[in-house]
Amino acid sequence: MIRYGAGSMWTAKRSNGVTSCTNGVFGDPSYGTRKSCQCYPDTARTGDTSGDGKVTGSPAPDNAYLIRVPAGGARYEVDTCASSTNFDTYLRIMGVDGRELARRDDGGCSGSNRGLQSKLSTPLLAAGDHWVVVDGWSTRSGRYSLSTNLAPTQVQTSRGSCGYSQSCASGYTRVATTTSGCFWWTRSAVCTRIV
């Protein structure tokens, strides 16, 4: 996965080869700033919760993995969809303070593992340390293959109408103001959001 941007505004796309780090490929996630590319390999871990201790959630034993979310924050796709997973899994994303940020029981997987395995798409996570917890439904435990990958994201940019107020629509963040296309005494806001 390659992410492109600056500060807290990044887009991310999956690539198997050479990719140009340009607005033309990724869109412009951070209007008017110098941007860079960062590469993140897909990661997979295998484990077995049988006989292990408890981190959180149901009475089932579980395993936890630390993930470091890069500067500017990111979204992740986390799953136990692999055929080597042999029990009813329950996924959680936790802050290091112990607060649950997202969870998923059953579903999201495709093919023969779409029943009891779990796939979780996280909300935008703040930069810093977080936990991915592989739990079991009720008291279930067993072998699993956990995939933790940066999620593809895209930044939408919109421009407000010309005027004296440079506000953005709900869900958008103002990243700049511009006089382009407006009368000299008015401006418009350049607004972005991650989708």
N, C-alpha and C. Protein backbone atom coordinates (compact mmCIF):
# COMPACT_ATOMS: atom_id res chain seq x y z
N MET A 1 0.84 -1.17 0.00
CA MET A 1 0.00 0.00 0.00
C MET A 1 0.88 1.23 0.00
N ILE A 2 0.57 2.19 -0.84
CA ILE A 2 1.32 3.44 -0.92
C ILE A 2 0.41 4.56 -0.47
N ARG A 3 0.89 5.38 0.46
CA ARG A 3 0.09 6.54 0.83
C ARG A 3 0.82 7.80 0.40
N TYR A 4 0.04 8.80 -0.01
CA TYR A 4 0.56 10.02 -0.61
C TYR A 4 -0.10 11.21 0.06
N GLY A 5 0.68 12.16 0.52
CA GLY A 5 0.09 13.35 1.14
C GLY A 5 1.06 14.04 2.05
N ALA A 6 0.50 14.76 3.03
CA ALA A 6 1.28 15.50 4.01
C ALA A 6 0.40 15.79 5.21
N GLY A 7 1.03 16.02 6.36
CA GLY A 7 0.28 16.38 7.56
C GLY A 7 -0.73 15.32 7.93
N SER A 8 -2.01 15.72 8.01
CA SER A 8 -3.07 14.77 8.36
C SER A 8 -3.91 14.37 7.15
N MET A 9 -3.50 14.77 5.95
CA MET A 9 -4.29 14.48 4.75
C MET A 9 -3.50 13.56 3.82
N TRP A 10 -3.97 12.29 3.70
CA TRP A 10 -3.30 11.28 2.90
C TRP A 10 -4.31 10.49 2.09
N THR A 11 -3.92 10.06 0.90
CA THR A 11 -4.68 9.06 0.17
C THR A 11 -3.82 7.81 0.10
N ALA A 12 -4.44 6.66 -0.08
CA ALA A 12 -3.68 5.41 -0.14
C ALA A 12 -4.24 4.52 -1.22
N LYS A 13 -3.33 3.88 -1.97
CA LYS A 13 -3.70 2.95 -3.04
C LYS A 13 -2.77 1.75 -3.00
N ARG A 14 -3.32 0.63 -3.41
CA ARG A 14 -2.52 -0.59 -3.49
C ARG A 14 -1.79 -0.62 -4.83
N SER A 15 -0.53 -1.08 -4.81
CA SER A 15 0.26 -1.16 -6.04
C SER A 15 1.16 -2.38 -5.99
N ASN A 16 1.33 -3.03 -7.13
CA ASN A 16 2.24 -4.18 -7.24
C ASN A 16 3.50 -3.83 -8.03
N GLY A 17 3.64 -2.57 -8.39
CA GLY A 17 4.79 -2.19 -9.20
C GLY A 17 5.17 -0.75 -8.95
N VAL A 18 5.71 -0.12 -9.97
CA VAL A 18 6.14 1.26 -9.86
C VAL A 18 4.93 2.17 -9.96
N THR A 19 4.83 3.14 -9.06
CA THR A 19 3.72 4.10 -9.06
C THR A 19 4.29 5.50 -8.93
N SER A 20 3.82 6.42 -9.75
CA SER A 20 4.26 7.81 -9.66
C SER A 20 3.57 8.49 -8.49
N CYS A 21 4.33 9.23 -7.71
CA CYS A 21 3.78 9.96 -6.58
C CYS A 21 3.39 11.35 -7.04
N THR A 22 2.21 11.44 -7.64
CA THR A 22 1.74 12.71 -8.19
C THR A 22 0.27 12.90 -7.88
N ASN A 23 -0.17 14.15 -7.98
CA ASN A 23 -1.60 14.45 -7.84
C ASN A 23 -2.40 13.75 -8.92
N GLY A 24 -1.82 13.56 -10.08
CA GLY A 24 -2.52 12.89 -11.17
C GLY A 24 -2.88 11.45 -10.84
N VAL A 25 -2.06 10.77 -10.06
CA VAL A 25 -2.32 9.38 -9.68
C VAL A 25 -3.19 9.29 -8.44
N PHE A 26 -2.90 10.12 -7.43
CA PHE A 26 -3.56 9.99 -6.13
C PHE A 26 -4.63 11.04 -5.86
N GLY A 27 -4.74 12.07 -6.71
CA GLY A 27 -5.56 13.22 -6.35
C GLY A 27 -4.71 14.15 -5.49
N ASP A 28 -5.27 15.27 -5.08
CA ASP A 28 -4.52 16.23 -4.27
C ASP A 28 -5.04 16.22 -2.85
N PRO A 29 -4.44 15.41 -1.97
CA PRO A 29 -4.96 15.29 -0.62
C PRO A 29 -4.64 16.47 0.30
N SER A 30 -3.68 17.29 -0.08
CA SER A 30 -3.27 18.40 0.79
C SER A 30 -2.95 19.61 -0.07
N TYR A 31 -3.98 20.34 -0.42
CA TYR A 31 -3.91 21.46 -1.35
C TYR A 31 -2.82 22.46 -0.94
N GLY A 32 -1.97 22.78 -1.88
CA GLY A 32 -0.97 23.83 -1.68
C GLY A 32 0.23 23.45 -0.84
N THR A 33 0.41 22.17 -0.51
CA THR A 33 1.56 21.76 0.28
C THR A 33 2.41 20.75 -0.48
N ARG A 34 3.66 20.65 -0.09
CA ARG A 34 4.56 19.66 -0.67
C ARG A 34 4.20 18.29 -0.09
N LYS A 35 4.08 17.29 -0.95
CA LYS A 35 3.64 15.97 -0.53
C LYS A 35 4.73 14.93 -0.76
N SER A 36 4.57 13.79 -0.10
CA SER A 36 5.53 12.70 -0.28
C SER A 36 4.78 11.37 -0.31
N CYS A 37 5.48 10.31 -0.67
CA CYS A 37 4.92 8.96 -0.67
C CYS A 37 5.55 8.13 0.43
N GLN A 38 4.77 7.24 1.01
CA GLN A 38 5.25 6.28 2.00
C GLN A 38 4.71 4.92 1.63
N CYS A 39 5.53 3.89 1.74
CA CYS A 39 5.13 2.52 1.37
C CYS A 39 4.96 1.66 2.62
N TYR A 40 3.91 0.86 2.63
CA TYR A 40 3.60 -0.04 3.75
C TYR A 40 3.30 -1.42 3.21
N PRO A 41 4.14 -2.41 3.54
CA PRO A 41 3.85 -3.77 3.06
C PRO A 41 2.66 -4.36 3.80
N ASP A 42 1.93 -5.25 3.13
CA ASP A 42 0.85 -5.98 3.79
C ASP A 42 1.47 -6.89 4.84
N THR A 43 0.79 -7.06 5.96
CA THR A 43 1.31 -7.93 7.02
C THR A 43 0.30 -9.01 7.36
N ALA A 44 0.78 -10.19 7.65
CA ALA A 44 -0.06 -11.31 8.08
C ALA A 44 0.63 -12.01 9.24
N ARG A 45 -0.15 -12.41 10.21
CA ARG A 45 0.38 -13.13 11.37
C ARG A 45 -0.47 -14.35 11.59
N THR A 46 0.12 -15.41 12.09
CA THR A 46 -0.65 -16.59 12.45
C THR A 46 -0.49 -16.82 13.95
N GLY A 47 -1.49 -17.44 14.53
CA GLY A 47 -1.43 -17.70 15.95
C GLY A 47 -2.50 -18.69 16.36
N ASP A 48 -2.57 -18.91 17.67
CA ASP A 48 -3.55 -19.83 18.23
C ASP A 48 -3.95 -19.29 19.60
N THR A 49 -5.23 -19.04 19.80
CA THR A 49 -5.69 -18.48 21.07
C THR A 49 -5.95 -19.56 22.12
N SER A 50 -5.93 -20.82 21.74
CA SER A 50 -6.25 -21.91 22.67
C SER A 50 -5.33 -21.87 23.89
N GLY A 51 -5.94 -21.82 25.08
CA GLY A 51 -5.18 -21.85 26.31
C GLY A 51 -4.52 -20.54 26.69
N ASP A 52 -4.69 -19.50 25.88
CA ASP A 52 -4.07 -18.20 26.18
C ASP A 52 -4.91 -17.44 27.20
N GLY A 53 -4.36 -16.30 27.64
CA GLY A 53 -5.05 -15.46 28.60
C GLY A 53 -6.06 -14.54 27.95
N LYS A 54 -6.51 -13.57 28.72
CA LYS A 54 -7.58 -12.67 28.31
C LYS A 54 -7.05 -11.25 28.24
N VAL A 55 -7.31 -10.54 27.16
CA VAL A 55 -6.98 -9.12 27.06
C VAL A 55 -8.26 -8.32 27.29
N THR A 56 -9.33 -8.66 26.60
CA THR A 56 -10.58 -7.90 26.70
C THR A 56 -11.72 -8.69 26.09
N GLY A 57 -12.93 -8.18 26.26
CA GLY A 57 -14.08 -8.74 25.54
C GLY A 57 -14.70 -9.95 26.19
N SER A 58 -15.05 -10.93 25.37
CA SER A 58 -15.77 -12.12 25.79
C SER A 58 -14.91 -13.01 26.70
N PRO A 59 -15.50 -14.08 27.27
CA PRO A 59 -14.72 -14.99 28.11
C PRO A 59 -13.67 -15.81 27.34
N ALA A 60 -13.70 -15.77 26.02
CA ALA A 60 -12.76 -16.55 25.21
C ALA A 60 -11.34 -16.01 25.37
N PRO A 61 -10.33 -16.89 25.27
CA PRO A 61 -8.94 -16.40 25.26
C PRO A 61 -8.69 -15.59 23.99
N ASP A 62 -7.75 -14.67 24.04
CA ASP A 62 -7.49 -13.85 22.85
C ASP A 62 -6.01 -13.50 22.75
N ASN A 63 -5.63 -12.99 21.60
CA ASN A 63 -4.27 -12.50 21.34
C ASN A 63 -4.37 -11.04 20.90
N ALA A 64 -3.35 -10.24 21.25
CA ALA A 64 -3.34 -8.83 20.86
C ALA A 64 -2.03 -8.49 20.16
N TYR A 65 -2.13 -7.62 19.16
CA TYR A 65 -0.97 -7.17 18.40
C TYR A 65 -0.96 -5.64 18.38
N LEU A 66 0.21 -5.08 18.62
CA LEU A 66 0.38 -3.63 18.58
C LEU A 66 0.55 -3.19 17.12
N ILE A 67 -0.19 -2.15 16.73
CA ILE A 67 0.05 -1.53 15.43
C ILE A 67 0.39 -0.06 15.67
N ARG A 68 1.33 0.44 14.90
CA ARG A 68 1.72 1.85 15.00
C ARG A 68 1.12 2.59 13.81
N VAL A 69 0.14 3.42 14.09
CA VAL A 69 -0.50 4.19 13.03
C VAL A 69 0.41 5.36 12.69
N PRO A 70 0.73 5.56 11.40
CA PRO A 70 1.67 6.61 11.01
C PRO A 70 1.12 8.01 11.24
N ALA A 71 2.01 8.98 11.21
CA ALA A 71 1.65 10.39 11.37
C ALA A 71 0.53 10.76 10.41
N GLY A 72 -0.40 11.54 10.88
CA GLY A 72 -1.53 11.94 10.06
C GLY A 72 -2.71 11.01 10.18
N GLY A 73 -2.53 9.83 10.82
CA GLY A 73 -3.62 8.87 10.97
C GLY A 73 -3.80 8.02 9.73
N ALA A 74 -4.56 6.96 9.87
CA ALA A 74 -4.81 6.04 8.75
C ALA A 74 -5.99 5.15 9.06
N ARG A 75 -6.55 4.55 8.01
CA ARG A 75 -7.57 3.52 8.16
C ARG A 75 -6.92 2.18 7.85
N TYR A 76 -7.45 1.13 8.46
CA TYR A 76 -6.91 -0.21 8.26
C TYR A 76 -8.00 -1.18 7.88
N GLU A 77 -7.60 -2.24 7.19
CA GLU A 77 -8.46 -3.40 6.95
C GLU A 77 -7.82 -4.56 7.70
N VAL A 78 -8.58 -5.16 8.61
CA VAL A 78 -8.08 -6.22 9.46
C VAL A 78 -9.01 -7.41 9.28
N ASP A 79 -8.46 -8.61 9.05
CA ASP A 79 -9.35 -9.76 8.86
C ASP A 79 -8.72 -11.07 9.30
N THR A 80 -9.60 -12.04 9.53
CA THR A 80 -9.20 -13.43 9.81
C THR A 80 -9.84 -14.33 8.76
N CYS A 81 -9.92 -13.86 7.53
CA CYS A 81 -10.64 -14.55 6.45
C CYS A 81 -9.91 -15.78 5.89
N ALA A 82 -8.64 -15.95 6.17
CA ALA A 82 -7.87 -17.06 5.59
C ALA A 82 -8.47 -18.41 5.96
N SER A 83 -8.33 -19.36 5.06
CA SER A 83 -8.89 -20.70 5.30
C SER A 83 -8.24 -21.40 6.48
N SER A 84 -7.05 -20.94 6.90
CA SER A 84 -6.39 -21.56 8.05
C SER A 84 -7.04 -21.18 9.38
N THR A 85 -7.90 -20.17 9.39
CA THR A 85 -8.64 -19.80 10.61
C THR A 85 -9.70 -20.85 10.84
N ASN A 86 -9.70 -21.47 12.04
CA ASN A 86 -10.59 -22.61 12.26
C ASN A 86 -11.59 -22.43 13.40
N PHE A 87 -11.91 -21.16 13.76
CA PHE A 87 -12.92 -20.95 14.80
C PHE A 87 -13.66 -19.64 14.55
N ASP A 88 -14.69 -19.39 15.33
CA ASP A 88 -15.54 -18.20 15.21
C ASP A 88 -14.83 -17.00 15.83
N THR A 89 -14.25 -16.14 15.00
CA THR A 89 -13.44 -15.03 15.49
C THR A 89 -14.26 -13.77 15.74
N TYR A 90 -13.69 -12.91 16.55
CA TYR A 90 -14.26 -11.61 16.89
C TYR A 90 -13.09 -10.63 16.94
N LEU A 91 -13.10 -9.60 16.11
CA LEU A 91 -11.99 -8.66 16.04
C LEU A 91 -12.32 -7.35 16.76
N ARG A 92 -11.31 -6.80 17.42
CA ARG A 92 -11.46 -5.52 18.10
C ARG A 92 -10.24 -4.64 17.81
N ILE A 93 -10.46 -3.34 17.74
CA ILE A 93 -9.38 -2.36 17.69
C ILE A 93 -9.49 -1.56 18.98
N MET A 94 -8.38 -1.51 19.71
CA MET A 94 -8.36 -0.85 21.01
C MET A 94 -7.30 0.24 21.02
N GLY A 95 -7.58 1.34 21.72
CA GLY A 95 -6.55 2.32 22.00
C GLY A 95 -5.66 1.77 23.10
N VAL A 96 -4.46 2.31 23.24
CA VAL A 96 -3.57 1.83 24.29
C VAL A 96 -4.13 2.15 25.68
N ASP A 97 -5.13 3.06 25.73
CA ASP A 97 -5.79 3.36 27.00
C ASP A 97 -6.86 2.33 27.34
N GLY A 98 -7.04 1.32 26.47
CA GLY A 98 -8.01 0.26 26.73
C GLY A 98 -9.39 0.54 26.17
N ARG A 99 -9.59 1.68 25.53
CA ARG A 99 -10.90 2.03 24.96
C ARG A 99 -11.08 1.30 23.63
N GLU A 100 -12.25 0.69 23.46
CA GLU A 100 -12.55 0.00 22.20
C GLU A 100 -12.95 1.04 21.14
N LEU A 101 -12.30 1.00 19.98
CA LEU A 101 -12.55 1.96 18.91
C LEU A 101 -13.39 1.37 17.79
N ALA A 102 -13.31 0.06 17.59
CA ALA A 102 -14.10 -0.62 16.55
C ALA A 102 -14.12 -2.11 16.86
N ARG A 103 -15.15 -2.80 16.35
CA ARG A 103 -15.23 -4.26 16.53
C ARG A 103 -16.03 -4.86 15.40
N ARG A 104 -15.82 -6.16 15.20
CA ARG A 104 -16.56 -6.88 14.16
C ARG A 104 -16.65 -8.35 14.51
N ASP A 105 -17.85 -8.86 14.48
CA ASP A 105 -18.08 -10.29 14.65
C ASP A 105 -18.70 -10.81 13.37
N ASP A 106 -18.15 -11.83 12.80
CA ASP A 106 -18.72 -12.51 11.63
C ASP A 106 -19.01 -11.56 10.47
N GLY A 107 -18.52 -11.92 9.34
CA GLY A 107 -18.89 -11.23 8.12
C GLY A 107 -17.79 -10.36 7.55
N GLY A 108 -18.02 -9.99 6.29
CA GLY A 108 -17.08 -9.17 5.56
C GLY A 108 -16.14 -9.98 4.69
N CYS A 109 -15.99 -11.27 4.99
CA CYS A 109 -15.11 -12.12 4.19
C CYS A 109 -15.87 -12.63 2.97
N SER A 110 -15.16 -13.05 1.95
CA SER A 110 -15.80 -13.59 0.76
C SER A 110 -15.45 -15.06 0.61
N GLY A 111 -16.10 -15.73 -0.28
CA GLY A 111 -15.80 -17.14 -0.55
C GLY A 111 -16.29 -18.04 0.57
N SER A 112 -15.58 -19.14 0.77
CA SER A 112 -16.02 -20.15 1.73
C SER A 112 -15.87 -19.69 3.18
N ASN A 113 -15.11 -18.60 3.43
CA ASN A 113 -14.92 -18.14 4.81
C ASN A 113 -15.78 -16.95 5.17
N ARG A 114 -16.89 -16.79 4.49
CA ARG A 114 -17.70 -15.62 4.77
C ARG A 114 -18.61 -15.79 5.98
N GLY A 115 -18.61 -16.95 6.62
CA GLY A 115 -19.52 -17.20 7.73
C GLY A 115 -19.02 -16.70 9.07
N LEU A 116 -18.13 -17.43 9.72
CA LEU A 116 -17.75 -17.14 11.09
C LEU A 116 -16.48 -16.30 11.23
N GLN A 117 -15.71 -16.13 10.16
CA GLN A 117 -14.54 -15.29 10.22
C GLN A 117 -14.96 -13.82 10.11
N SER A 118 -14.04 -12.93 10.44
CA SER A 118 -14.39 -11.50 10.53
C SER A 118 -13.46 -10.64 9.70
N LYS A 119 -14.04 -9.57 9.13
CA LYS A 119 -13.26 -8.55 8.43
C LYS A 119 -13.73 -7.20 8.93
N LEU A 120 -12.79 -6.38 9.39
CA LEU A 120 -13.10 -5.10 10.00
C LEU A 120 -12.40 -3.99 9.23
N SER A 121 -13.17 -2.99 8.81
CA SER A 121 -12.59 -1.77 8.24
C SER A 121 -12.68 -0.72 9.33
N THR A 122 -11.55 -0.20 9.76
CA THR A 122 -11.54 0.72 10.89
C THR A 122 -11.97 2.12 10.48
N PRO A 123 -12.39 2.91 11.46
CA PRO A 123 -12.52 4.34 11.20
C PRO A 123 -11.12 4.93 11.07
N LEU A 124 -11.03 6.21 10.78
CA LEU A 124 -9.73 6.87 10.72
C LEU A 124 -9.12 6.83 12.13
N LEU A 125 -7.99 6.16 12.28
CA LEU A 125 -7.31 6.04 13.57
C LEU A 125 -6.27 7.14 13.70
N ALA A 126 -6.18 7.75 14.87
CA ALA A 126 -5.18 8.78 15.11
C ALA A 126 -3.79 8.16 15.11
N ALA A 127 -2.81 8.97 14.80
CA ALA A 127 -1.42 8.50 14.82
C ALA A 127 -1.07 8.00 16.22
N GLY A 128 -0.26 6.96 16.28
CA GLY A 128 0.17 6.41 17.57
C GLY A 128 -0.10 4.92 17.66
N ASP A 129 0.02 4.39 18.86
CA ASP A 129 -0.12 2.96 19.09
C ASP A 129 -1.57 2.55 19.33
N HIS A 130 -1.94 1.41 18.74
CA HIS A 130 -3.27 0.81 18.91
C HIS A 130 -3.09 -0.70 18.99
N TRP A 131 -4.10 -1.38 19.48
CA TRP A 131 -4.09 -2.84 19.58
C TRP A 131 -5.10 -3.44 18.64
N VAL A 132 -4.72 -4.51 17.94
CA VAL A 132 -5.66 -5.36 17.21
C VAL A 132 -5.81 -6.61 18.06
N VAL A 133 -7.04 -6.92 18.47
CA VAL A 133 -7.29 -8.07 19.34
C VAL A 133 -8.05 -9.13 18.55
N VAL A 134 -7.50 -10.34 18.49
CA VAL A 134 -8.18 -11.49 17.90
C VAL A 134 -8.83 -12.24 19.06
N ASP A 135 -10.15 -12.15 19.11
CA ASP A 135 -10.93 -12.76 20.19
C ASP A 135 -11.79 -13.86 19.58
N GLY A 136 -12.49 -14.59 20.42
CA GLY A 136 -13.42 -15.61 19.95
C GLY A 136 -14.81 -15.30 20.43
N TRP A 137 -15.79 -15.74 19.67
CA TRP A 137 -17.18 -15.58 20.10
C TRP A 137 -17.42 -16.49 21.30
N SER A 138 -18.05 -15.97 22.35
CA SER A 138 -18.36 -16.71 23.57
C SER A 138 -17.06 -17.29 24.15
N THR A 139 -16.87 -18.60 24.10
CA THR A 139 -15.64 -19.20 24.63
C THR A 139 -14.80 -19.85 23.54
N ARG A 140 -15.09 -19.54 22.27
CA ARG A 140 -14.39 -20.17 21.14
C ARG A 140 -12.92 -19.78 21.10
N SER A 141 -12.08 -20.68 20.66
CA SER A 141 -10.66 -20.42 20.48
C SER A 141 -10.13 -21.33 19.39
N GLY A 142 -8.92 -21.05 18.92
CA GLY A 142 -8.32 -21.88 17.88
C GLY A 142 -7.24 -21.16 17.11
N ARG A 143 -6.92 -21.72 15.92
CA ARG A 143 -5.88 -21.16 15.06
C ARG A 143 -6.47 -20.07 14.17
N TYR A 144 -5.63 -19.10 13.84
CA TYR A 144 -6.09 -18.01 12.97
C TYR A 144 -4.93 -17.49 12.14
N SER A 145 -5.29 -16.83 11.05
CA SER A 145 -4.35 -16.04 10.27
C SER A 145 -4.92 -14.63 10.23
N LEU A 146 -4.18 -13.68 10.77
CA LEU A 146 -4.63 -12.29 10.87
C LEU A 146 -3.92 -11.44 9.83
N SER A 147 -4.70 -10.73 9.04
CA SER A 147 -4.17 -9.80 8.05
C SER A 147 -4.46 -8.38 8.51
N THR A 148 -3.42 -7.53 8.58
CA THR A 148 -3.57 -6.14 9.02
C THR A 148 -2.92 -5.25 7.97
N ASN A 149 -3.75 -4.54 7.22
CA ASN A 149 -3.24 -3.75 6.10
C ASN A 149 -3.81 -2.34 6.10
N LEU A 150 -2.99 -1.40 5.66
CA LEU A 150 -3.47 -0.04 5.45
C LEU A 150 -4.59 -0.10 4.42
N ALA A 151 -5.68 0.62 4.66
CA ALA A 151 -6.84 0.58 3.75
C ALA A 151 -6.70 1.61 2.64
N PRO A 152 -7.21 1.26 1.46
CA PRO A 152 -7.24 2.26 0.40
C PRO A 152 -8.13 3.44 0.84
N THR A 153 -7.68 4.65 0.62
CA THR A 153 -8.47 5.84 0.94
C THR A 153 -8.36 6.83 -0.19
N GLN A 154 -9.26 7.74 -0.19
CA GLN A 154 -9.28 8.77 -1.23
C GLN A 154 -9.71 10.07 -0.58
N VAL A 155 -9.15 11.18 -1.01
CA VAL A 155 -9.55 12.48 -0.50
C VAL A 155 -10.40 13.17 -1.55
N GLN A 156 -11.58 13.61 -1.15
CA GLN A 156 -12.43 14.40 -2.04
C GLN A 156 -12.20 15.87 -1.73
N THR A 157 -12.05 16.66 -2.76
CA THR A 157 -11.86 18.10 -2.59
C THR A 157 -13.05 18.82 -3.20
N SER A 158 -13.56 19.80 -2.47
CA SER A 158 -14.63 20.62 -3.00
C SER A 158 -14.29 22.09 -2.75
N ARG A 159 -14.91 22.93 -3.51
CA ARG A 159 -14.67 24.35 -3.34
C ARG A 159 -15.98 25.03 -3.02
N GLY A 160 -15.97 25.84 -1.96
CA GLY A 160 -17.18 26.56 -1.58
C GLY A 160 -17.47 27.69 -2.55
N SER A 161 -18.62 28.29 -2.38
CA SER A 161 -18.99 29.41 -3.24
C SER A 161 -18.21 30.65 -2.83
N CYS A 162 -18.06 31.56 -3.76
CA CYS A 162 -17.34 32.81 -3.48
C CYS A 162 -18.16 33.64 -2.51
N GLY A 163 -17.48 34.27 -1.57
CA GLY A 163 -18.19 35.11 -0.60
C GLY A 163 -17.27 35.51 0.53
N TYR A 164 -17.88 36.03 1.59
CA TYR A 164 -17.10 36.50 2.74
C TYR A 164 -16.89 35.38 3.76
N SER A 165 -17.75 34.37 3.77
CA SER A 165 -17.62 33.25 4.69
C SER A 165 -16.91 32.11 3.98
N GLN A 166 -15.81 31.65 4.54
CA GLN A 166 -15.06 30.55 3.93
C GLN A 166 -15.30 29.26 4.71
N SER A 167 -16.57 28.87 4.85
CA SER A 167 -16.89 27.65 5.60
C SER A 167 -16.98 26.45 4.65
N CYS A 168 -16.91 25.26 5.25
CA CYS A 168 -16.99 24.01 4.49
C CYS A 168 -18.26 23.26 4.87
N ALA A 169 -18.71 22.42 3.97
CA ALA A 169 -19.87 21.58 4.25
C ALA A 169 -19.53 20.60 5.37
N SER A 170 -20.55 20.08 6.02
CA SER A 170 -20.37 19.13 7.12
C SER A 170 -19.53 17.93 6.66
N GLY A 171 -18.56 17.53 7.48
CA GLY A 171 -17.70 16.39 7.16
C GLY A 171 -16.44 16.77 6.42
N TYR A 172 -16.34 18.02 5.95
CA TYR A 172 -15.16 18.49 5.23
C TYR A 172 -14.30 19.35 6.16
N THR A 173 -12.99 19.41 5.87
CA THR A 173 -12.06 20.26 6.60
C THR A 173 -11.52 21.30 5.64
N ARG A 174 -11.50 22.56 6.08
CA ARG A 174 -10.96 23.62 5.24
C ARG A 174 -9.44 23.51 5.25
N VAL A 175 -8.85 23.44 4.07
CA VAL A 175 -7.40 23.33 3.96
C VAL A 175 -6.76 24.58 3.35
N ALA A 176 -7.58 25.44 2.76
CA ALA A 176 -7.05 26.66 2.17
C ALA A 176 -8.21 27.57 1.79
N THR A 177 -7.90 28.80 1.47
CA THR A 177 -8.86 29.70 0.84
C THR A 177 -8.21 30.20 -0.43
N THR A 178 -9.05 30.54 -1.37
CA THR A 178 -8.53 30.99 -2.66
C THR A 178 -9.38 32.12 -3.22
N THR A 179 -8.75 32.96 -4.03
CA THR A 179 -9.49 34.01 -4.74
C THR A 179 -9.73 33.59 -6.19
N SER A 180 -9.19 32.45 -6.57
CA SER A 180 -9.32 31.98 -7.95
C SER A 180 -10.78 31.85 -8.34
N GLY A 181 -11.17 32.49 -9.41
CA GLY A 181 -12.54 32.40 -9.90
C GLY A 181 -13.51 33.32 -9.17
N CYS A 182 -13.03 34.07 -8.17
CA CYS A 182 -13.89 34.97 -7.40
C CYS A 182 -13.52 36.43 -7.71
N PHE A 183 -14.40 37.34 -7.33
CA PHE A 183 -14.04 38.75 -7.40
C PHE A 183 -12.92 39.02 -6.40
N TRP A 184 -12.13 40.03 -6.62
CA TRP A 184 -10.94 40.27 -5.80
C TRP A 184 -11.28 40.49 -4.33
N TRP A 185 -12.48 40.92 -4.01
CA TRP A 185 -12.82 41.20 -2.62
C TRP A 185 -13.47 40.00 -1.90
N THR A 186 -13.61 38.88 -2.62
CA THR A 186 -14.18 37.70 -1.98
C THR A 186 -13.24 36.50 -2.16
N ARG A 187 -13.50 35.47 -1.39
CA ARG A 187 -12.71 34.23 -1.46
C ARG A 187 -13.64 33.05 -1.37
N SER A 188 -13.08 31.89 -1.67
CA SER A 188 -13.83 30.64 -1.45
C SER A 188 -12.93 29.68 -0.71
N ALA A 189 -13.55 28.76 0.02
CA ALA A 189 -12.81 27.77 0.79
C ALA A 189 -12.49 26.56 -0.08
N VAL A 190 -11.32 25.98 0.11
CA VAL A 190 -10.97 24.70 -0.49
C VAL A 190 -11.10 23.68 0.64
N CYS A 191 -12.01 22.70 0.47
CA CYS A 191 -12.38 21.78 1.53
C CYS A 191 -12.09 20.35 1.11
N THR A 192 -11.67 19.52 2.06
CA THR A 192 -11.38 18.13 1.76
C THR A 192 -12.00 17.21 2.80
N ARG A 193 -12.20 15.96 2.42
CA ARG A 193 -12.59 14.91 3.37
C ARG A 193 -12.05 13.59 2.88
N ILE A 194 -11.79 12.67 3.81
CA ILE A 194 -11.29 11.35 3.45
C ILE A 194 -12.46 10.41 3.27
N VAL A 195 -12.49 9.65 2.17
CA VAL A 195 -13.58 8.69 1.90
C VAL A 195 -12.98 7.31 1.68
